[in-house]
Amino acid sequence: MFVRIVKLSFHQENIPAFLENFEQNKDKIRNAPGNRLLELYQDKDNPDLFFTYSYWEHESDLENYRHSELFKEVWAFTKKLFNDKPQAWSVDKLVSLV
């Protein structure tokens, strides 16, 4: 399992637009080939800070999504709302206790 973690920081006045856009696109992103999970988190101490976690079968599935029209549209909209450069990590899931 391949996990992508993305840290996003927004201008406070842009958060509603981000959340609305995420709501409109979350099912499409989740149903991208190879995607097994999509989660959105908001920091408890800094409400301008969000994290997305997405689980992918293979790294190539994420790359295919990142070259899709859906990603291009979502990212073009989202990046205009940032107050800081986004950060991303690609990690391999080693252990999960449920």
PDB file of N, CA and C in Angstrom:
ATOM      1  N   MET A   1       0.852  -1.183   0.000  1.00  0.00           N
ATOM      2  CA  MET A   1       0.000   0.000   0.000  1.00  0.00           C
ATOM      3  C   MET A   1       0.885   1.228   0.000  1.00  0.00           C
ATOM      4  N   PHE A   2       0.555   2.141  -0.861  1.00  0.00           N
ATOM      5  CA  PHE A   2       1.312   3.378  -1.031  1.00  0.00           C
ATOM      6  C   PHE A   2       0.448   4.532  -0.526  1.00  0.00           C
ATOM      7  N   VAL A   3       1.007   5.383   0.331  1.00  0.00           N
ATOM      8  CA  VAL A   3       0.240   6.454   0.953  1.00  0.00           C
ATOM      9  C   VAL A   3       0.829   7.799   0.555  1.00  0.00           C
ATOM     10  N   ARG A   4      -0.054   8.718   0.214  1.00  0.00           N
ATOM     11  CA  ARG A   4       0.353  10.094  -0.118  1.00  0.00           C
ATOM     12  C   ARG A   4      -0.259  11.012   0.933  1.00  0.00           C
ATOM     13  N   ILE A   5       0.581  11.793   1.578  1.00  0.00           N
ATOM     14  CA  ILE A   5       0.160  12.760   2.587  1.00  0.00           C
ATOM     15  C   ILE A   5       0.498  14.143   2.052  1.00  0.00           C
ATOM     16  N   VAL A   6      -0.495  15.018   2.031  1.00  0.00           N
ATOM     17  CA  VAL A   6      -0.283  16.369   1.514  1.00  0.00           C
ATOM     18  C   VAL A   6      -0.731  17.372   2.574  1.00  0.00           C
ATOM     19  N   LYS A   7       0.151  18.315   2.868  1.00  0.00           N
ATOM     20  CA  LYS A   7      -0.122  19.389   3.832  1.00  0.00           C
ATOM     21  C   LYS A   7      -0.498  20.636   3.039  1.00  0.00           C
ATOM     22  N   LEU A   8      -1.676  21.193   3.352  1.00  0.00           N
ATOM     23  CA  LEU A   8      -2.197  22.353   2.632  1.00  0.00           C
ATOM     24  C   LEU A   8      -2.513  23.460   3.631  1.00  0.00           C
ATOM     25  N   SER A   9      -2.068  24.668   3.344  1.00  0.00           N
ATOM     26  CA  SER A   9      -2.331  25.799   4.223  1.00  0.00           C
ATOM     27  C   SER A   9      -3.038  26.886   3.419  1.00  0.00           C
ATOM     28  N   PHE A  10      -4.177  27.360   3.954  1.00  0.00           N
ATOM     29  CA  PHE A  10      -5.030  28.288   3.211  1.00  0.00           C
ATOM     30  C   PHE A  10      -5.194  29.619   3.922  1.00  0.00           C
ATOM     31  N   HIS A  11      -5.440  30.647   3.126  1.00  0.00           N
ATOM     32  CA  HIS A  11      -5.930  31.897   3.694  1.00  0.00           C
ATOM     33  C   HIS A  11      -7.296  31.587   4.303  1.00  0.00           C
ATOM     34  N   GLN A  12      -7.542  32.080   5.500  1.00  0.00           N
ATOM     35  CA  GLN A  12      -8.763  31.734   6.219  1.00  0.00           C
ATOM     36  C   GLN A  12     -10.028  31.996   5.400  1.00  0.00           C
ATOM     37  N   GLU A  13     -10.047  33.085   4.657  1.00  0.00           N
ATOM     38  CA  GLU A  13     -11.241  33.419   3.871  1.00  0.00           C
ATOM     39  C   GLU A  13     -11.458  32.463   2.694  1.00  0.00           C
ATOM     40  N   ASN A  14     -10.433  31.664   2.361  1.00  0.00           N
ATOM     41  CA  ASN A  14     -10.550  30.719   1.243  1.00  0.00           C
ATOM     42  C   ASN A  14     -10.949  29.306   1.664  1.00  0.00           C
ATOM     43  N   ILE A  15     -11.013  29.067   2.953  1.00  0.00           N
ATOM     44  CA  ILE A  15     -11.335  27.723   3.430  1.00  0.00           C
ATOM     45  C   ILE A  15     -12.712  27.255   2.959  1.00  0.00           C
ATOM     46  N   PRO A  16     -13.757  28.079   3.034  1.00  0.00           N
ATOM     47  CA  PRO A  16     -15.058  27.589   2.541  1.00  0.00           C
ATOM     48  C   PRO A  16     -15.015  27.173   1.062  1.00  0.00           C
ATOM     49  N   ALA A  17     -14.304  27.913   0.238  1.00  0.00           N
ATOM     50  CA  ALA A  17     -14.202  27.557  -1.185  1.00  0.00           C
ATOM     51  C   ALA A  17     -13.454  26.236  -1.348  1.00  0.00           C
ATOM     52  N   PHE A  18     -12.387  26.050  -0.576  1.00  0.00           N
ATOM     53  CA  PHE A  18     -11.651  24.784  -0.633  1.00  0.00           C
ATOM     54  C   PHE A  18     -12.555  23.616  -0.228  1.00  0.00           C
ATOM     55  N   LEU A  19     -13.264  23.776   0.891  1.00  0.00           N
ATOM     56  CA  LEU A  19     -14.109  22.688   1.374  1.00  0.00           C
ATOM     57  C   LEU A  19     -15.240  22.371   0.397  1.00  0.00           C
ATOM     58  N   GLU A  20     -15.801  23.375  -0.209  1.00  0.00           N
ATOM     59  CA  GLU A  20     -16.863  23.152  -1.198  1.00  0.00           C
ATOM     60  C   GLU A  20     -16.316  22.397  -2.414  1.00  0.00           C
ATOM     61  N   ASN A  21     -15.148  22.805  -2.881  1.00  0.00           N
ATOM     62  CA  ASN A  21     -14.540  22.137  -4.030  1.00  0.00           C
ATOM     63  C   ASN A  21     -14.163  20.694  -3.676  1.00  0.00           C
ATOM     64  N   PHE A  22     -13.642  20.484  -2.480  1.00  0.00           N
ATOM     65  CA  PHE A  22     -13.310  19.131  -2.048  1.00  0.00           C
ATOM     66  C   PHE A  22     -14.572  18.268  -2.007  1.00  0.00           C
ATOM     67  N   GLU A  23     -15.640  18.821  -1.458  1.00  0.00           N
ATOM     68  CA  GLU A  23     -16.910  18.083  -1.376  1.00  0.00           C
ATOM     69  C   GLU A  23     -17.407  17.683  -2.767  1.00  0.00           C
ATOM     70  N   GLN A  24     -17.275  18.575  -3.718  1.00  0.00           N
ATOM     71  CA  GLN A  24     -17.738  18.307  -5.079  1.00  0.00           C
ATOM     72  C   GLN A  24     -16.892  17.253  -5.791  1.00  0.00           C
ATOM     73  N   ASN A  25     -15.639  17.103  -5.395  1.00  0.00           N
ATOM     74  CA  ASN A  25     -14.723  16.223  -6.126  1.00  0.00           C
ATOM     75  C   ASN A  25     -14.253  14.990  -5.367  1.00  0.00           C
ATOM     76  N   LYS A  26     -14.565  14.880  -4.098  1.00  0.00           N
ATOM     77  CA  LYS A  26     -14.009  13.804  -3.276  1.00  0.00           C
ATOM     78  C   LYS A  26     -14.376  12.416  -3.797  1.00  0.00           C
ATOM     79  N   ASP A  27     -15.589  12.216  -4.250  1.00  0.00           N
ATOM     80  CA  ASP A  27     -15.977  10.894  -4.748  1.00  0.00           C
ATOM     81  C   ASP A  27     -15.262  10.556  -6.049  1.00  0.00           C
ATOM     82  N   LYS A  28     -15.064  11.553  -6.892  1.00  0.00           N
ATOM     83  CA  LYS A  28     -14.333  11.320  -8.153  1.00  0.00           C
ATOM     84  C   LYS A  28     -12.881  10.941  -7.859  1.00  0.00           C
ATOM     85  N   ILE A  29     -12.278  11.640  -6.907  1.00  0.00           N
ATOM     86  CA  ILE A  29     -10.889  11.337  -6.541  1.00  0.00           C
ATOM     87  C   ILE A  29     -10.825   9.934  -5.927  1.00  0.00           C
ATOM     88  N   ARG A  30     -11.737   9.661  -5.008  1.00  0.00           N
ATOM     89  CA  ARG A  30     -11.743   8.356  -4.332  1.00  0.00           C
ATOM     90  C   ARG A  30     -11.950   7.215  -5.323  1.00  0.00           C
ATOM     91  N   ASN A  31     -12.678   7.462  -6.394  1.00  0.00           N
ATOM     92  CA  ASN A  31     -12.956   6.425  -7.387  1.00  0.00           C
ATOM     93  C   ASN A  31     -11.944   6.385  -8.523  1.00  0.00           C
ATOM     94  N   ALA A  32     -10.867   7.152  -8.412  1.00  0.00           N
ATOM     95  CA  ALA A  32      -9.798   7.069  -9.416  1.00  0.00           C
ATOM     96  C   ALA A  32      -9.201   5.669  -9.360  1.00  0.00           C
ATOM     97  N   PRO A  33      -8.832   5.117 -10.501  1.00  0.00           N
ATOM     98  CA  PRO A  33      -8.252   3.766 -10.507  1.00  0.00           C
ATOM     99  C   PRO A  33      -7.062   3.650  -9.542  1.00  0.00           C
ATOM    100  N   GLY A  34      -7.128   2.643  -8.671  1.00  0.00           N
ATOM    101  CA  GLY A  34      -6.043   2.386  -7.732  1.00  0.00           C
ATOM    102  C   GLY A  34      -6.194   3.076  -6.395  1.00  0.00           C
ATOM    103  N   ASN A  35      -7.129   4.036  -6.274  1.00  0.00           N
ATOM    104  CA  ASN A  35      -7.308   4.726  -4.999  1.00  0.00           C
ATOM    105  C   ASN A  35      -8.123   3.848  -4.064  1.00  0.00           C
ATOM    106  N   ARG A  36      -7.630   3.670  -2.836  1.00  0.00           N
ATOM    107  CA  ARG A  36      -8.304   2.811  -1.868  1.00  0.00           C
ATOM    108  C   ARG A  36      -8.843   3.571  -0.660  1.00  0.00           C
ATOM    109  N   LEU A  37      -8.411   4.831  -0.489  1.00  0.00           N
ATOM    110  CA  LEU A  37      -8.868   5.620   0.653  1.00  0.00           C
ATOM    111  C   LEU A  37      -8.548   7.080   0.397  1.00  0.00           C
ATOM    112  N   LEU A  38      -9.441   7.947   0.816  1.00  0.00           N
ATOM    113  CA  LEU A  38      -9.195   9.385   0.761  1.00  0.00           C
ATOM    114  C   LEU A  38      -9.733   9.984   2.049  1.00  0.00           C
ATOM    115  N   GLU A  39      -8.883  10.721   2.749  1.00  0.00           N
ATOM    116  CA  GLU A  39      -9.277  11.369   3.996  1.00  0.00           C
ATOM    117  C   GLU A  39      -8.792  12.807   3.997  1.00  0.00           C
ATOM    118  N   LEU A  40      -9.560  13.664   4.663  1.00  0.00           N
ATOM    119  CA  LEU A  40      -9.199  15.065   4.829  1.00  0.00           C
ATOM    120  C   LEU A  40      -9.213  15.376   6.318  1.00  0.00           C
ATOM    121  N   TYR A  41      -8.143  16.008   6.799  1.00  0.00           N
ATOM    122  CA  TYR A  41      -8.019  16.387   8.198  1.00  0.00           C
ATOM    123  C   TYR A  41      -7.788  17.896   8.305  1.00  0.00           C
ATOM    124  N   GLN A  42      -8.262  18.471   9.413  1.00  0.00           N
ATOM    125  CA  GLN A  42      -7.994  19.875   9.717  1.00  0.00           C
ATOM    126  C   GLN A  42      -7.288  19.936  11.067  1.00  0.00           C
ATOM    127  N   ASP A  43      -6.217  20.707  11.126  1.00  0.00           N
ATOM    128  CA  ASP A  43      -5.430  20.826  12.351  1.00  0.00           C
ATOM    129  C   ASP A  43      -6.265  21.451  13.470  1.00  0.00           C
ATOM    130  N   LYS A  44      -6.158  20.902  14.666  1.00  0.00           N
ATOM    131  CA  LYS A  44      -6.933  21.411  15.795  1.00  0.00           C
ATOM    132  C   LYS A  44      -6.434  22.772  16.294  1.00  0.00           C
ATOM    133  N   ASP A  45      -5.140  23.015  16.197  1.00  0.00           N
ATOM    134  CA  ASP A  45      -4.574  24.260  16.712  1.00  0.00           C
ATOM    135  C   ASP A  45      -4.476  25.353  15.663  1.00  0.00           C
ATOM    136  N   ASN A  46      -4.389  24.975  14.410  1.00  0.00           N
ATOM    137  CA  ASN A  46      -4.286  25.950  13.318  1.00  0.00           C
ATOM    138  C   ASN A  46      -5.332  25.587  12.264  1.00  0.00           C
ATOM    139  N   PRO A  47      -6.520  26.200  12.317  1.00  0.00           N
ATOM    140  CA  PRO A  47      -7.601  25.823  11.411  1.00  0.00           C
ATOM    141  C   PRO A  47      -7.344  26.150   9.942  1.00  0.00           C
ATOM    142  N   ASP A  48      -6.264  26.862   9.646  1.00  0.00           N
ATOM    143  CA  ASP A  48      -5.903  27.151   8.251  1.00  0.00           C
ATOM    144  C   ASP A  48      -5.153  25.978   7.612  1.00  0.00           C
ATOM    145  N   LEU A  49      -4.798  24.994   8.415  1.00  0.00           N
ATOM    146  CA  LEU A  49      -3.944  23.896   7.986  1.00  0.00           C
ATOM    147  C   LEU A  49      -4.757  22.607   7.816  1.00  0.00           C
ATOM    148  N   PHE A  50      -4.599  21.996   6.634  1.00  0.00           N
ATOM    149  CA  PHE A  50      -5.304  20.756   6.297  1.00  0.00           C
ATOM    150  C   PHE A  50      -4.304  19.720   5.817  1.00  0.00           C
ATOM    151  N   PHE A  51      -4.708  18.463   5.921  1.00  0.00           N
ATOM    152  CA  PHE A  51      -3.915  17.346   5.413  1.00  0.00           C
ATOM    153  C   PHE A  51      -4.841  16.416   4.646  1.00  0.00           C
ATOM    154  N   THR A  52      -4.375  15.938   3.514  1.00  0.00           N
ATOM    155  CA  THR A  52      -5.077  14.855   2.834  1.00  0.00           C
ATOM    156  C   THR A  52      -4.221  13.610   2.930  1.00  0.00           C
ATOM    157  N   TYR A  53      -4.884  12.494   3.148  1.00  0.00           N
ATOM    158  CA  TYR A  53      -4.262  11.179   3.118  1.00  0.00           C
ATOM    159  C   TYR A  53      -4.967  10.396   2.033  1.00  0.00           C
ATOM    160  N   SER A  54      -4.204   9.866   1.104  1.00  0.00           N
ATOM    161  CA  SER A  54      -4.792   9.004   0.084  1.00  0.00           C
ATOM    162  C   SER A  54      -3.958   7.738  -0.016  1.00  0.00           C
ATOM    163  N   TYR A  55      -4.648   6.621  -0.076  1.00  0.00           N
ATOM    164  CA  TYR A  55      -4.004   5.312  -0.189  1.00  0.00           C
ATOM    165  C   TYR A  55      -4.157   4.825  -1.620  1.00  0.00           C
ATOM    166  N   TRP A  56      -3.070   4.324  -2.179  1.00  0.00           N
ATOM    167  CA  TRP A  56      -3.036   3.880  -3.564  1.00  0.00           C
ATOM    168  C   TRP A  56      -2.458   2.477  -3.634  1.00  0.00           C
ATOM    169  N   GLU A  57      -2.974   1.703  -4.555  1.00  0.00           N
ATOM    170  CA  GLU A  57      -2.456   0.354  -4.759  1.00  0.00           C
ATOM    171  C   GLU A  57      -0.979   0.391  -5.160  1.00  0.00           C
ATOM    172  N   HIS A  58      -0.664   1.273  -6.104  1.00  0.00           N
ATOM    173  CA  HIS A  58       0.702   1.382  -6.626  1.00  0.00           C
ATOM    174  C   HIS A  58       1.037   2.853  -6.858  1.00  0.00           C
ATOM    175  N   GLU A  59       2.309   3.155  -6.825  1.00  0.00           N
ATOM    176  CA  GLU A  59       2.773   4.509  -7.107  1.00  0.00           C
ATOM    177  C   GLU A  59       2.304   4.969  -8.487  1.00  0.00           C
ATOM    178  N   SER A  60       2.257   4.059  -9.435  1.00  0.00           N
ATOM    179  CA  SER A  60       1.818   4.405 -10.793  1.00  0.00           C
ATOM    180  C   SER A  60       0.353   4.849 -10.813  1.00  0.00           C
ATOM    181  N   ASP A  61      -0.467   4.357  -9.891  1.00  0.00           N
ATOM    182  CA  ASP A  61      -1.864   4.794  -9.822  1.00  0.00           C
ATOM    183  C   ASP A  61      -1.948   6.271  -9.440  1.00  0.00           C
ATOM    184  N   LEU A  62      -1.127   6.672  -8.478  1.00  0.00           N
ATOM    185  CA  LEU A  62      -1.088   8.086  -8.103  1.00  0.00           C
ATOM    186  C   LEU A  62      -0.583   8.924  -9.268  1.00  0.00           C
ATOM    187  N   GLU A  63       0.457   8.480  -9.929  1.00  0.00           N
ATOM    188  CA  GLU A  63       0.993   9.236 -11.072  1.00  0.00           C
ATOM    189  C   GLU A  63      -0.040   9.369 -12.188  1.00  0.00           C
ATOM    190  N   ASN A  64      -0.793   8.305 -12.440  1.00  0.00           N
ATOM    191  CA  ASN A  64      -1.852   8.383 -13.456  1.00  0.00           C
ATOM    192  C   ASN A  64      -2.909   9.404 -13.046  1.00  0.00           C
ATOM    193  N   TYR A  65      -3.281   9.398 -11.773  1.00  0.00           N
ATOM    194  CA  TYR A  65      -4.239  10.394 -11.279  1.00  0.00           C
ATOM    195  C   TYR A  65      -3.671  11.805 -11.423  1.00  0.00           C
ATOM    196  N   ARG A  66      -2.404  11.990 -11.075  1.00  0.00           N
ATOM    197  CA  ARG A  66      -1.799  13.323 -11.140  1.00  0.00           C
ATOM    198  C   ARG A  66      -1.707  13.856 -12.572  1.00  0.00           C
ATOM    199  N   HIS A  67      -1.816  12.988 -13.578  1.00  0.00           N
ATOM    200  CA  HIS A  67      -1.809  13.415 -14.975  1.00  0.00           C
ATOM    201  C   HIS A  67      -3.215  13.465 -15.572  1.00  0.00           C
ATOM    202  N   SER A  68      -4.228  13.252 -14.738  1.00  0.00           N
ATOM    203  CA  SER A  68      -5.611  13.241 -15.215  1.00  0.00           C
ATOM    204  C   SER A  68      -6.180  14.659 -15.293  1.00  0.00           C
ATOM    205  N   GLU A  69      -7.226  14.796 -16.072  1.00  0.00           N
ATOM    206  CA  GLU A  69      -7.922  16.085 -16.170  1.00  0.00           C
ATOM    207  C   GLU A  69      -8.528  16.467 -14.827  1.00  0.00           C
ATOM    208  N   LEU A  70      -9.037  15.489 -14.086  1.00  0.00           N
ATOM    209  CA  LEU A  70      -9.623  15.765 -12.776  1.00  0.00           C
ATOM    210  C   LEU A  70      -8.599  16.419 -11.864  1.00  0.00           C
ATOM    211  N   PHE A  71      -7.406  15.842 -11.757  1.00  0.00           N
ATOM    212  CA  PHE A  71      -6.379  16.427 -10.901  1.00  0.00           C
ATOM    213  C   PHE A  71      -6.018  17.832 -11.363  1.00  0.00           C
ATOM    214  N   LYS A  72      -5.837  18.005 -12.664  1.00  0.00           N
ATOM    215  CA  LYS A  72      -5.463  19.323 -13.201  1.00  0.00           C
ATOM    216  C   LYS A  72      -6.499  20.377 -12.831  1.00  0.00           C
ATOM    217  N   GLU A  73      -7.776  20.031 -12.921  1.00  0.00           N
ATOM    218  CA  GLU A  73      -8.842  20.980 -12.571  1.00  0.00           C
ATOM    219  C   GLU A  73      -8.858  21.273 -11.076  1.00  0.00           C
ATOM    220  N   VAL A  74      -8.804  20.224 -10.265  1.00  0.00           N
ATOM    221  CA  VAL A  74      -8.849  20.404  -8.809  1.00  0.00           C
ATOM    222  C   VAL A  74      -7.636  21.190  -8.332  1.00  0.00           C
ATOM    223  N   TRP A  75      -6.458  20.844  -8.834  1.00  0.00           N
ATOM    224  CA  TRP A  75      -5.232  21.518  -8.379  1.00  0.00           C
ATOM    225  C   TRP A  75      -5.193  22.978  -8.840  1.00  0.00           C
ATOM    226  N   ALA A  76      -5.644  23.245 -10.056  1.00  0.00           N
ATOM    227  CA  ALA A  76      -5.663  24.630 -10.558  1.00  0.00           C
ATOM    228  C   ALA A  76      -6.543  25.506  -9.662  1.00  0.00           C
ATOM    229  N   PHE A  77      -7.658  24.967  -9.236  1.00  0.00           N
ATOM    230  CA  PHE A  77      -8.552  25.713  -8.350  1.00  0.00           C
ATOM    231  C   PHE A  77      -7.931  25.870  -6.966  1.00  0.00           C
ATOM    232  N   THR A  78      -7.427  24.782  -6.411  1.00  0.00           N
ATOM    233  CA  THR A  78      -6.950  24.762  -5.028  1.00  0.00           C
ATOM    234  C   THR A  78      -5.716  25.623  -4.828  1.00  0.00           C
ATOM    235  N   LYS A  79      -4.779  25.575  -5.748  1.00  0.00           N
ATOM    236  CA  LYS A  79      -3.507  26.279  -5.514  1.00  0.00           C
ATOM    237  C   LYS A  79      -3.668  27.792  -5.442  1.00  0.00           C
ATOM    238  N   LYS A  80      -4.741  28.329  -5.967  1.00  0.00           N
ATOM    239  CA  LYS A  80      -4.996  29.778  -5.874  1.00  0.00           C
ATOM    240  C   LYS A  80      -5.392  30.191  -4.456  1.00  0.00           C
ATOM    241  N   LEU A  81      -5.734  29.234  -3.620  1.00  0.00           N
ATOM    242  CA  LEU A  81      -6.261  29.513  -2.282  1.00  0.00           C
ATOM    243  C   LEU A  81      -5.206  29.448  -1.180  1.00  0.00           C
ATOM    244  N   PHE A  82      -4.006  28.981  -1.511  1.00  0.00           N
ATOM    245  CA  PHE A  82      -2.959  28.748  -0.508  1.00  0.00           C
ATOM    246  C   PHE A  82      -2.409  30.038   0.092  1.00  0.00           C
ATOM    247  N   ASN A  83      -1.965  29.927   1.345  1.00  0.00           N
ATOM    248  CA  ASN A  83      -1.204  31.011   1.970  1.00  0.00           C
ATOM    249  C   ASN A  83       0.246  30.591   2.213  1.00  0.00           C
ATOM    250  N   ASP A  84       0.568  29.348   1.814  1.00  0.00           N
ATOM    251  CA  ASP A  84       1.926  28.828   1.956  1.00  0.00           C
ATOM    252  C   ASP A  84       2.087  27.694   0.951  1.00  0.00           C
ATOM    253  N   LYS A  85       3.325  27.383   0.639  1.00  0.00           N
ATOM    254  CA  LYS A  85       3.601  26.318  -0.315  1.00  0.00           C
ATOM    255  C   LYS A  85       3.147  24.972   0.267  1.00  0.00           C
ATOM    256  N   PRO A  86       2.423  24.165  -0.509  1.00  0.00           N
ATOM    257  CA  PRO A  86       2.030  22.849  -0.011  1.00  0.00           C
ATOM    258  C   PRO A  86       3.242  21.932   0.108  1.00  0.00           C
ATOM    259  N   GLN A  87       3.115  20.934   0.961  1.00  0.00           N
ATOM    260  CA  GLN A  87       4.159  19.931   1.132  1.00  0.00           C
ATOM    261  C   GLN A  87       3.523  18.565   0.942  1.00  0.00           C
ATOM    262  N   ALA A  88       4.290  17.627   0.388  1.00  0.00           N
ATOM    263  CA  ALA A  88       3.761  16.283   0.167  1.00  0.00           C
ATOM    264  C   ALA A  88       4.806  15.241   0.518  1.00  0.00           C
ATOM    265  N   TRP A  89       4.315  14.127   1.043  1.00  0.00           N
ATOM    266  CA  TRP A  89       5.159  12.994   1.370  1.00  0.00           C
ATOM    267  C   TRP A  89       4.550  11.749   0.752  1.00  0.00           C
ATOM    268  N   SER A  90       5.392  10.910   0.222  1.00  0.00           N
ATOM    269  CA  SER A  90       4.990   9.601  -0.274  1.00  0.00           C
ATOM    270  C   SER A  90       5.613   8.576   0.661  1.00  0.00           C
ATOM    271  N   VAL A  91       4.782   7.737   1.256  1.00  0.00           N
ATOM    272  CA  VAL A  91       5.268   6.779   2.244  1.00  0.00           C
ATOM    273  C   VAL A  91       4.686   5.407   1.954  1.00  0.00           C
ATOM    274  N   ASP A  92       5.391   4.381   2.401  1.00  0.00           N
ATOM    275  CA  ASP A  92       4.887   3.023   2.337  1.00  0.00           C
ATOM    276  C   ASP A  92       4.266   2.680   3.680  1.00  0.00           C
ATOM    277  N   LYS A  93       3.063   2.150   3.631  1.00  0.00           N
ATOM    278  CA  LYS A  93       2.375   1.740   4.852  1.00  0.00           C
ATOM    279  C   LYS A  93       2.990   0.425   5.319  1.00  0.00           C
ATOM    280  N   LEU A  94       3.505   0.410   6.549  1.00  0.00           N
ATOM    281  CA  LEU A  94       4.155  -0.786   7.081  1.00  0.00           C
ATOM    282  C   LEU A  94       3.239  -1.568   8.008  1.00  0.00           C
ATOM    283  N   VAL A  95       2.513  -0.855   8.876  1.00  0.00           N
ATOM    284  CA  VAL A  95       1.662  -1.520   9.859  1.00  0.00           C
ATOM    285  C   VAL A  95       0.384  -0.715  10.007  1.00  0.00           C
ATOM    286  N   SER A  96      -0.730  -1.411  10.141  1.00  0.00           N
ATOM    287  CA  SER A  96      -2.002  -0.771  10.416  1.00  0.00           C
ATOM    288  C   SER A  96      -2.779  -1.646  11.391  1.00  0.00           C
ATOM    289  N   LEU A  97      -3.120  -1.103  12.539  1.00  0.00           N
ATOM    290  CA  LEU A  97      -3.911  -1.815  13.535  1.00  0.00           C
ATOM    291  C   LEU A  97      -5.292  -1.191  13.567  1.00  0.00           C
ATOM    292  N   VAL A  98      -6.287  -1.978  13.294  1.00  0.00           N
ATOM    293  CA  VAL A  98      -7.653  -1.457  13.252  1.00  0.00           C
ATOM    294  C   VAL A  98      -8.467  -2.077  14.359  1.00  0.00           C
TER     295      VAL A  98
END
